[in-house]
Amino acid sequence: MEVRTKEKELKRAYKERMNELKEEIRQNKVEKRKRVERVKKKKENILRVGMKLQKITNPKTLTKIAKLKQKKLLKGSVGECGGARKREMRD
């Protein structure tokens, strides 16, 4: 009888510990996801502004910055002339 109760206690303690570890893993994943999002947002902001005090030698980064700036210029010009026509057509 004593052996059986000890086994049950061990099994219960094992399950509790497993649940604690699973919860800790979940929390770590959430924290990691948030951290990755922060880093990603920071990189996007740097690309959007394009004013990082660092020499950019990666051609892909340069093309991204150029595309973003081009899009901003296009948005401004489309908003001035083409935007009014679209509104009129919808109404």
PDB file of N, CA and C in Angstrom:
ATOM      1  N   MET A   1       0.818  -1.204   0.000  1.00  0.00           N
ATOM      2  CA  MET A   1       0.000   0.000   0.000  1.00  0.00           C
ATOM      3  C   MET A   1       0.857   1.261   0.000  1.00  0.00           C
ATOM      4  N   GLU A   2       1.891   1.276   0.825  1.00  0.00           N
ATOM      5  CA  GLU A   2       2.743   2.456   0.912  1.00  0.00           C
ATOM      6  C   GLU A   2       3.458   2.727  -0.408  1.00  0.00           C
ATOM      7  N   VAL A   3       3.874   1.663  -1.052  1.00  0.00           N
ATOM      8  CA  VAL A   3       4.569   1.811  -2.334  1.00  0.00           C
ATOM      9  C   VAL A   3       3.627   2.445  -3.352  1.00  0.00           C
ATOM     10  N   ARG A   4       2.406   2.005  -3.326  1.00  0.00           N
ATOM     11  CA  ARG A   4       1.415   2.512  -4.277  1.00  0.00           C
ATOM     12  C   ARG A   4       1.121   3.996  -4.048  1.00  0.00           C
ATOM     13  N   THR A   5       0.976   4.389  -2.795  1.00  0.00           N
ATOM     14  CA  THR A   5       0.711   5.801  -2.494  1.00  0.00           C
ATOM     15  C   THR A   5       1.903   6.670  -2.880  1.00  0.00           C
ATOM     16  N   LYS A   6       3.121   6.148  -2.664  1.00  0.00           N
ATOM     17  CA  LYS A   6       4.311   6.901  -3.056  1.00  0.00           C
ATOM     18  C   LYS A   6       4.349   7.089  -4.575  1.00  0.00           C
ATOM     19  N   GLU A   7       4.006   6.021  -5.292  1.00  0.00           N
ATOM     20  CA  GLU A   7       3.990   6.103  -6.758  1.00  0.00           C
ATOM     21  C   GLU A   7       2.971   7.140  -7.234  1.00  0.00           C
ATOM     22  N   LYS A   8       1.802   7.138  -6.582  1.00  0.00           N
ATOM     23  CA  LYS A   8       0.771   8.110  -6.952  1.00  0.00           C
ATOM     24  C   LYS A   8       1.246   9.531  -6.680  1.00  0.00           C
ATOM     25  N   GLU A   9       1.894   9.729  -5.536  1.00  0.00           N
ATOM     26  CA  GLU A   9       2.411  11.058  -5.205  1.00  0.00           C
ATOM     27  C   GLU A   9       3.463  11.500  -6.214  1.00  0.00           C
ATOM     28  N   LEU A  10       4.352  10.576  -6.562  1.00  0.00           N
ATOM     29  CA  LEU A  10       5.381  10.893  -7.556  1.00  0.00           C
ATOM     30  C   LEU A  10       4.751  11.263  -8.898  1.00  0.00           C
ATOM     31  N   LYS A  11       3.754  10.497  -9.285  1.00  0.00           N
ATOM     32  CA  LYS A  11       3.085  10.746 -10.559  1.00  0.00           C
ATOM     33  C   LYS A  11       2.400  12.112 -10.549  1.00  0.00           C
ATOM     34  N   ARG A  12       1.728  12.430  -9.433  1.00  0.00           N
ATOM     35  CA  ARG A  12       1.051  13.722  -9.313  1.00  0.00           C
ATOM     36  C   ARG A  12       2.063  14.870  -9.344  1.00  0.00           C
ATOM     37  N   ALA A  13       3.157  14.714  -8.605  1.00  0.00           N
ATOM     38  CA  ALA A  13       4.194  15.751  -8.584  1.00  0.00           C
ATOM     39  C   ALA A  13       4.808  15.929  -9.975  1.00  0.00           C
ATOM     40  N   TYR A  14       4.999  14.821 -10.673  1.00  0.00           N
ATOM     41  CA  TYR A  14       5.553  14.865 -12.033  1.00  0.00           C
ATOM     42  C   TYR A  14       4.622  15.643 -12.962  1.00  0.00           C
ATOM     43  N   LYS A  15       3.330  15.352 -12.880  1.00  0.00           N
ATOM     44  CA  LYS A  15       2.360  16.054 -13.732  1.00  0.00           C
ATOM     45  C   LYS A  15       2.328  17.546 -13.423  1.00  0.00           C
ATOM     46  N   GLU A  16       2.369  17.889 -12.136  1.00  0.00           N
ATOM     47  CA  GLU A  16       2.379  19.302 -11.754  1.00  0.00           C
ATOM     48  C   GLU A  16       3.602  20.010 -12.320  1.00  0.00           C
ATOM     49  N   ARG A  17       4.746  19.364 -12.177  1.00  0.00           N
ATOM     50  CA  ARG A  17       5.990  19.964 -12.679  1.00  0.00           C
ATOM     51  C   ARG A  17       5.931  20.123 -14.199  1.00  0.00           C
ATOM     52  N   MET A  18       5.392  19.133 -14.889  1.00  0.00           N
ATOM     53  CA  MET A  18       5.260  19.212 -16.351  1.00  0.00           C
ATOM     54  C   MET A  18       4.367  20.386 -16.745  1.00  0.00           C
ATOM     55  N   ASN A  19       3.259  20.560 -16.033  1.00  0.00           N
ATOM     56  CA  ASN A  19       2.363  21.677 -16.324  1.00  0.00           C
ATOM     57  C   ASN A  19       3.051  23.014 -16.081  1.00  0.00           C
ATOM     58  N   GLU A  20       3.830  23.101 -14.997  1.00  0.00           N
ATOM     59  CA  GLU A  20       4.571  24.335 -14.721  1.00  0.00           C
ATOM     60  C   GLU A  20       5.553  24.641 -15.850  1.00  0.00           C
ATOM     61  N   LEU A  21       6.270  23.613 -16.284  1.00  0.00           N
ATOM     62  CA  LEU A  21       7.250  23.810 -17.358  1.00  0.00           C
ATOM     63  C   LEU A  21       6.570  24.207 -18.668  1.00  0.00           C
ATOM     64  N   LYS A  22       5.436  23.583 -18.958  1.00  0.00           N
ATOM     65  CA  LYS A  22       4.703  23.933 -20.180  1.00  0.00           C
ATOM     66  C   LYS A  22       4.261  25.390 -20.147  1.00  0.00           C
ATOM     67  N   GLU A  23       3.772  25.824 -18.994  1.00  0.00           N
ATOM     68  CA  GLU A  23       3.337  27.217 -18.856  1.00  0.00           C
ATOM     69  C   GLU A  23       4.521  28.167 -19.018  1.00  0.00           C
ATOM     70  N   GLU A  24       5.651  27.796 -18.445  1.00  0.00           N
ATOM     71  CA  GLU A  24       6.856  28.623 -18.577  1.00  0.00           C
ATOM     72  C   GLU A  24       7.294  28.717 -20.042  1.00  0.00           C
ATOM     73  N   ILE A  25       7.219  27.607 -20.750  1.00  0.00           N
ATOM     74  CA  ILE A  25       7.574  27.601 -22.178  1.00  0.00           C
ATOM     75  C   ILE A  25       6.635  28.516 -22.953  1.00  0.00           C
ATOM     76  N   ARG A  26       5.332  28.446 -22.657  1.00  0.00           N
ATOM     77  CA  ARG A  26       4.364  29.319 -23.336  1.00  0.00           C
ATOM     78  C   ARG A  26       4.702  30.787 -23.112  1.00  0.00           C
ATOM     79  N   GLN A  27       4.995  31.121 -21.860  1.00  0.00           N
ATOM     80  CA  GLN A  27       5.326  32.518 -21.539  1.00  0.00           C
ATOM     81  C   GLN A  27       6.591  32.963 -22.258  1.00  0.00           C
ATOM     82  N   ASN A  28       7.586  32.085 -22.325  1.00  0.00           N
ATOM     83  CA  ASN A  28       8.822  32.425 -23.029  1.00  0.00           C
ATOM     84  C   ASN A  28       8.567  32.663 -24.512  1.00  0.00           C
ATOM     85  N   LYS A  29       7.692  31.851 -25.098  1.00  0.00           N
ATOM     86  CA  LYS A  29       7.366  32.029 -26.519  1.00  0.00           C
ATOM     87  C   LYS A  29       6.678  33.365 -26.756  1.00  0.00           C
ATOM     88  N   VAL A  30       5.771  33.728 -25.855  1.00  0.00           N
ATOM     89  CA  VAL A  30       5.073  35.008 -25.988  1.00  0.00           C
ATOM     90  C   VAL A  30       6.064  36.159 -25.879  1.00  0.00           C
ATOM     91  N   GLU A  31       6.965  36.078 -24.904  1.00  0.00           N
ATOM     92  CA  GLU A  31       7.975  37.128 -24.740  1.00  0.00           C
ATOM     93  C   GLU A  31       8.872  37.224 -25.969  1.00  0.00           C
ATOM     94  N   LYS A  32       9.254  36.077 -26.504  1.00  0.00           N
ATOM     95  CA  LYS A  32      10.121  36.070 -27.689  1.00  0.00           C
ATOM     96  C   LYS A  32       9.393  36.697 -28.872  1.00  0.00           C
ATOM     97  N   ARG A  33       8.116  36.365 -29.035  1.00  0.00           N
ATOM     98  CA  ARG A  33       7.329  36.919 -30.133  1.00  0.00           C
ATOM     99  C   ARG A  33       7.254  38.441 -30.019  1.00  0.00           C
ATOM    100  N   LYS A  34       7.021  38.929 -28.790  1.00  0.00           N
ATOM    101  CA  LYS A  34       6.963  40.378 -28.576  1.00  0.00           C
ATOM    102  C   LYS A  34       8.305  41.027 -28.884  1.00  0.00           C
ATOM    103  N   ARG A  35       9.380  40.378 -28.445  1.00  0.00           N
ATOM    104  CA  ARG A  35      10.723  40.916 -28.672  1.00  0.00           C
ATOM    105  C   ARG A  35      11.019  40.984 -30.170  1.00  0.00           C
ATOM    106  N   VAL A  36      10.656  39.929 -30.902  1.00  0.00           N
ATOM    107  CA  VAL A  36      10.876  39.901 -32.349  1.00  0.00           C
ATOM    108  C   VAL A  36      10.061  40.996 -33.023  1.00  0.00           C
ATOM    109  N   GLU A  37       8.822  41.192 -32.575  1.00  0.00           N
ATOM    110  CA  GLU A  37       7.984  42.250 -33.147  1.00  0.00           C
ATOM    111  C   GLU A  37       8.604  43.623 -32.918  1.00  0.00           C
ATOM    112  N   ARG A  38       9.146  43.839 -31.708  1.00  0.00           N
ATOM    113  CA  ARG A  38       9.779  45.127 -31.421  1.00  0.00           C
ATOM    114  C   ARG A  38      10.968  45.371 -32.339  1.00  0.00           C
ATOM    115  N   VAL A  39      11.792  44.345 -32.518  1.00  0.00           N
ATOM    116  CA  VAL A  39      12.969  44.487 -33.385  1.00  0.00           C
ATOM    117  C   VAL A  39      12.533  44.737 -34.824  1.00  0.00           C
ATOM    118  N   LYS A  40      11.511  44.013 -35.260  1.00  0.00           N
ATOM    119  CA  LYS A  40      11.010  44.167 -36.628  1.00  0.00           C
ATOM    120  C   LYS A  40      10.468  45.578 -36.846  1.00  0.00           C
ATOM    121  N   LYS A  41       9.702  46.068 -35.878  1.00  0.00           N
ATOM    122  CA  LYS A  41       9.141  47.411 -35.983  1.00  0.00           C
ATOM    123  C   LYS A  41      10.247  48.458 -36.014  1.00  0.00           C
ATOM    124  N   LYS A  42      11.278  48.233 -35.203  1.00  0.00           N
ATOM    125  CA  LYS A  42      12.403  49.155 -35.162  1.00  0.00           C
ATOM    126  C   LYS A  42      13.094  49.210 -36.525  1.00  0.00           C
ATOM    127  N   LYS A  43      13.312  48.041 -37.129  1.00  0.00           N
ATOM    128  CA  LYS A  43      13.955  47.987 -38.449  1.00  0.00           C
ATOM    129  C   LYS A  43      13.098  48.689 -39.497  1.00  0.00           C
ATOM    130  N   GLU A  44      11.778  48.464 -39.444  1.00  0.00           N
ATOM    131  CA  GLU A  44      10.879  49.112 -40.403  1.00  0.00           C
ATOM    132  C   GLU A  44      10.938  50.624 -40.253  1.00  0.00           C
ATOM    133  N   ASN A  45      10.966  51.102 -39.017  1.00  0.00           N
ATOM    134  CA  ASN A  45      11.048  52.543 -38.790  1.00  0.00           C
ATOM    135  C   ASN A  45      12.339  53.111 -39.345  1.00  0.00           C
ATOM    136  N   ILE A  46      13.434  52.385 -39.158  1.00  0.00           N
ATOM    137  CA  ILE A  46      14.717  52.852 -39.687  1.00  0.00           C
ATOM    138  C   ILE A  46      14.654  52.918 -41.204  1.00  0.00           C
ATOM    139  N   LEU A  47      14.064  51.889 -41.829  1.00  0.00           N
ATOM    140  CA  LEU A  47      13.952  51.893 -43.289  1.00  0.00           C
ATOM    141  C   LEU A  47      13.040  53.017 -43.765  1.00  0.00           C
ATOM    142  N   ARG A  48      11.932  53.230 -43.042  1.00  0.00           N
ATOM    143  CA  ARG A  48      10.967  54.243 -43.448  1.00  0.00           C
ATOM    144  C   ARG A  48      11.603  55.630 -43.412  1.00  0.00           C
ATOM    145  N   VAL A  49      12.299  55.908 -42.336  1.00  0.00           N
ATOM    146  CA  VAL A  49      12.923  57.216 -42.188  1.00  0.00           C
ATOM    147  C   VAL A  49      14.160  57.300 -43.066  1.00  0.00           C
ATOM    148  N   GLY A  50      14.925  56.224 -43.125  1.00  0.00           N
ATOM    149  CA  GLY A  50      16.123  56.200 -43.944  1.00  0.00           C
ATOM    150  C   GLY A  50      17.206  57.120 -43.432  1.00  0.00           C
ATOM    151  N   MET A  51      17.234  57.360 -42.127  1.00  0.00           N
ATOM    152  CA  MET A  51      18.201  58.306 -41.572  1.00  0.00           C
ATOM    153  C   MET A  51      19.034  57.646 -40.477  1.00  0.00           C
ATOM    154  N   LYS A  52      19.433  56.441 -40.702  1.00  0.00           N
ATOM    155  CA  LYS A  52      20.278  55.779 -39.723  1.00  0.00           C
ATOM    156  C   LYS A  52      21.711  56.253 -39.942  1.00  0.00           C
ATOM    157  N   LEU A  53      22.403  56.541 -38.864  1.00  0.00           N
ATOM    158  CA  LEU A  53      23.762  57.062 -38.965  1.00  0.00           C
ATOM    159  C   LEU A  53      24.739  55.914 -39.192  1.00  0.00           C
ATOM    160  N   GLN A  54      24.570  55.277 -40.333  1.00  0.00           N
ATOM    161  CA  GLN A  54      25.404  54.133 -40.641  1.00  0.00           C
ATOM    162  C   GLN A  54      25.452  53.996 -42.152  1.00  0.00           C
ATOM    163  N   LYS A  55      26.580  53.625 -42.667  1.00  0.00           N
ATOM    164  CA  LYS A  55      26.713  53.469 -44.106  1.00  0.00           C
ATOM    165  C   LYS A  55      26.022  52.169 -44.513  1.00  0.00           C
ATOM    166  N   ILE A  56      25.076  52.271 -45.426  1.00  0.00           N
ATOM    167  CA  ILE A  56      24.329  51.106 -45.870  1.00  0.00           C
ATOM    168  C   ILE A  56      24.981  50.601 -47.150  1.00  0.00           C
ATOM    169  N   THR A  57      25.509  49.395 -47.086  1.00  0.00           N
ATOM    170  CA  THR A  57      26.188  48.836 -48.255  1.00  0.00           C
ATOM    171  C   THR A  57      25.401  47.693 -48.874  1.00  0.00           C
ATOM    172  N   ASN A  58      24.399  47.216 -48.194  1.00  0.00           N
ATOM    173  CA  ASN A  58      23.599  46.119 -48.720  1.00  0.00           C
ATOM    174  C   ASN A  58      22.686  46.648 -49.823  1.00  0.00           C
ATOM    175  N   PRO A  59      22.815  46.132 -51.040  1.00  0.00           N
ATOM    176  CA  PRO A  59      22.000  46.654 -52.149  1.00  0.00           C
ATOM    177  C   PRO A  59      20.497  46.444 -51.953  1.00  0.00           C
ATOM    178  N   LYS A  60      20.117  45.364 -51.293  1.00  0.00           N
ATOM    179  CA  LYS A  60      18.688  45.118 -51.067  1.00  0.00           C
ATOM    180  C   LYS A  60      18.092  46.200 -50.172  1.00  0.00           C
ATOM    181  N   THR A  61      18.825  46.565 -49.140  1.00  0.00           N
ATOM    182  CA  THR A  61      18.357  47.616 -48.233  1.00  0.00           C
ATOM    183  C   THR A  61      18.228  48.934 -48.975  1.00  0.00           C
ATOM    184  N   LEU A  62      19.197  49.219 -49.815  1.00  0.00           N
ATOM    185  CA  LEU A  62      19.144  50.462 -50.593  1.00  0.00           C
ATOM    186  C   LEU A  62      17.928  50.477 -51.512  1.00  0.00           C
ATOM    187  N   THR A  63      17.633  49.345 -52.147  1.00  0.00           N
ATOM    188  CA  THR A  63      16.462  49.302 -53.031  1.00  0.00           C
ATOM    189  C   THR A  63      15.178  49.466 -52.230  1.00  0.00           C
ATOM    190  N   LYS A  64      15.126  48.879 -51.026  1.00  0.00           N
ATOM    191  CA  LYS A  64      13.930  49.034 -50.188  1.00  0.00           C
ATOM    192  C   LYS A  64      13.706  50.499 -49.836  1.00  0.00           C
ATOM    193  N   ILE A  65      14.776  51.167 -49.442  1.00  0.00           N
ATOM    194  CA  ILE A  65      14.664  52.583 -49.089  1.00  0.00           C
ATOM    195  C   ILE A  65      14.211  53.385 -50.299  1.00  0.00           C
ATOM    196  N   ALA A  66      14.783  53.083 -51.459  1.00  0.00           N
ATOM    197  CA  ALA A  66      14.412  53.805 -52.676  1.00  0.00           C
ATOM    198  C   ALA A  66      12.943  53.576 -53.014  1.00  0.00           C
ATOM    199  N   LYS A  67      12.479  52.334 -52.886  1.00  0.00           N
ATOM    200  CA  LYS A  67      11.077  52.026 -53.185  1.00  0.00           C
ATOM    201  C   LYS A  67      10.140  52.770 -52.238  1.00  0.00           C
ATOM    202  N   LEU A  68      10.485  52.778 -50.949  1.00  0.00           N
ATOM    203  CA  LEU A  68       9.635  53.465 -49.978  1.00  0.00           C
ATOM    204  C   LEU A  68       9.551  54.960 -50.279  1.00  0.00           C
ATOM    205  N   LYS A  69      10.689  55.551 -50.603  1.00  0.00           N
ATOM    206  CA  LYS A  69      10.677  56.978 -50.916  1.00  0.00           C
ATOM    207  C   LYS A  69       9.887  57.242 -52.188  1.00  0.00           C
ATOM    208  N   GLN A  70      10.021  56.354 -53.172  1.00  0.00           N
ATOM    209  CA  GLN A  70       9.283  56.502 -54.429  1.00  0.00           C
ATOM    210  C   GLN A  70       7.776  56.403 -54.166  1.00  0.00           C
ATOM    211  N   LYS A  71       7.374  55.459 -53.309  1.00  0.00           N
ATOM    212  CA  LYS A  71       5.958  55.309 -52.977  1.00  0.00           C
ATOM    213  C   LYS A  71       5.410  56.567 -52.322  1.00  0.00           C
ATOM    214  N   LYS A  72       6.201  57.155 -51.424  1.00  0.00           N
ATOM    215  CA  LYS A  72       5.756  58.386 -50.766  1.00  0.00           C
ATOM    216  C   LYS A  72       5.546  59.492 -51.790  1.00  0.00           C
ATOM    217  N   LEU A  73       6.476  59.586 -52.750  1.00  0.00           N
ATOM    218  CA  LEU A  73       6.342  60.615 -53.782  1.00  0.00           C
ATOM    219  C   LEU A  73       5.107  60.360 -54.636  1.00  0.00           C
ATOM    220  N   LEU A  74       4.871  59.090 -54.974  1.00  0.00           N
ATOM    221  CA  LEU A  74       3.706  58.755 -55.791  1.00  0.00           C
ATOM    222  C   LEU A  74       2.409  59.026 -55.038  1.00  0.00           C
ATOM    223  N   LYS A  75       2.381  58.716 -53.759  1.00  0.00           N
ATOM    224  CA  LYS A  75       1.176  58.973 -52.965  1.00  0.00           C
ATOM    225  C   LYS A  75       0.832  60.454 -52.980  1.00  0.00           C
ATOM    226  N   GLY A  76       1.818  61.293 -52.850  1.00  0.00           N
ATOM    227  CA  GLY A  76       1.578  62.730 -52.858  1.00  0.00           C
ATOM    228  C   GLY A  76       1.034  63.202 -54.189  1.00  0.00           C
ATOM    229  N   SER A  77       1.589  62.720 -55.293  1.00  0.00           N
ATOM    230  CA  SER A  77       1.146  63.183 -56.606  1.00  0.00           C
ATOM    231  C   SER A  77      -0.219  62.604 -56.963  1.00  0.00           C
ATOM    232  N   VAL A  78      -0.491  61.362 -56.578  1.00  0.00           N
ATOM    233  CA  VAL A  78      -1.793  60.761 -56.860  1.00  0.00           C
ATOM    234  C   VAL A  78      -2.869  61.459 -56.052  1.00  0.00           C
ATOM    235  N   GLY A  79      -2.581  61.790 -54.836  1.00  0.00           N
ATOM    236  CA  GLY A  79      -3.550  62.468 -53.980  1.00  0.00           C
ATOM    237  C   GLY A  79      -3.938  63.830 -54.513  1.00  0.00           C
ATOM    238  N   GLU A  80      -3.021  64.508 -55.197  1.00  0.00           N
ATOM    239  CA  GLU A  80      -3.302  65.849 -55.701  1.00  0.00           C
ATOM    240  C   GLU A  80      -4.215  65.828 -56.920  1.00  0.00           C
ATOM    241  N   CYS A  81      -3.951  64.933 -57.876  1.00  0.00           N
ATOM    242  CA  CYS A  81      -4.708  65.003 -59.126  1.00  0.00           C
ATOM    243  C   CYS A  81      -5.713  63.866 -59.272  1.00  0.00           C
ATOM    244  N   GLY A  82      -5.342  62.627 -58.977  1.00  0.00           N
ATOM    245  CA  GLY A  82      -6.201  61.489 -59.263  1.00  0.00           C
ATOM    246  C   GLY A  82      -7.188  61.166 -58.170  1.00  0.00           C
ATOM    247  N   GLY A  83      -6.958  61.619 -56.987  1.00  0.00           N
ATOM    248  CA  GLY A  83      -7.813  61.265 -55.862  1.00  0.00           C
ATOM    249  C   GLY A  83      -9.212  61.819 -55.976  1.00  0.00           C
ATOM    250  N   ALA A  84      -9.365  63.022 -56.502  1.00  0.00           N
ATOM    251  CA  ALA A  84     -10.677  63.661 -56.602  1.00  0.00           C
ATOM    252  C   ALA A  84     -11.545  62.929 -57.615  1.00  0.00           C
ATOM    253  N   ARG A  85     -10.971  62.470 -58.693  1.00  0.00           N
ATOM    254  CA  ARG A  85     -11.740  61.756 -59.716  1.00  0.00           C
ATOM    255  C   ARG A  85     -12.329  60.467 -59.166  1.00  0.00           C
ATOM    256  N   LYS A  86     -11.555  59.751 -58.408  1.00  0.00           N
ATOM    257  CA  LYS A  86     -12.040  58.493 -57.857  1.00  0.00           C
ATOM    258  C   LYS A  86     -13.228  58.735 -56.933  1.00  0.00           C
ATOM    259  N   ARG A  87     -13.166  59.784 -56.142  1.00  0.00           N
ATOM    260  CA  ARG A  87     -14.274  60.085 -55.237  1.00  0.00           C
ATOM    261  C   ARG A  87     -15.530  60.430 -56.028  1.00  0.00           C
ATOM    262  N   GLU A  88     -15.368  61.192 -57.093  1.00  0.00           N
ATOM    263  CA  GLU A  88     -16.520  61.577 -57.903  1.00  0.00           C
ATOM    264  C   GLU A  88     -17.152  60.366 -58.561  1.00  0.00           C
ATOM    265  N   MET A  89     -16.334  59.433 -59.034  1.00  0.00           N
ATOM    266  CA  MET A  89     -16.857  58.245 -59.702  1.00  0.00           C
ATOM    267  C   MET A  89     -17.628  57.359 -58.740  1.00  0.00           C
ATOM    268  N   ARG A  90     -17.181  57.276 -57.497  1.00  0.00           N
ATOM    269  CA  ARG A  90     -17.873  56.440 -56.521  1.00  0.00           C
ATOM    270  C   ARG A  90     -19.248  56.995 -56.194  1.00  0.00           C
ATOM    271  N   ASP A  91     -19.369  58.306 -56.105  1.00  0.00           N
ATOM    272  CA  ASP A  91     -20.645  58.935 -55.736  1.00  0.00           C
ATOM    273  C   ASP A  91     -21.585  58.897 -56.901  1.00  0.00           C
TER     274      ASP A  91
END
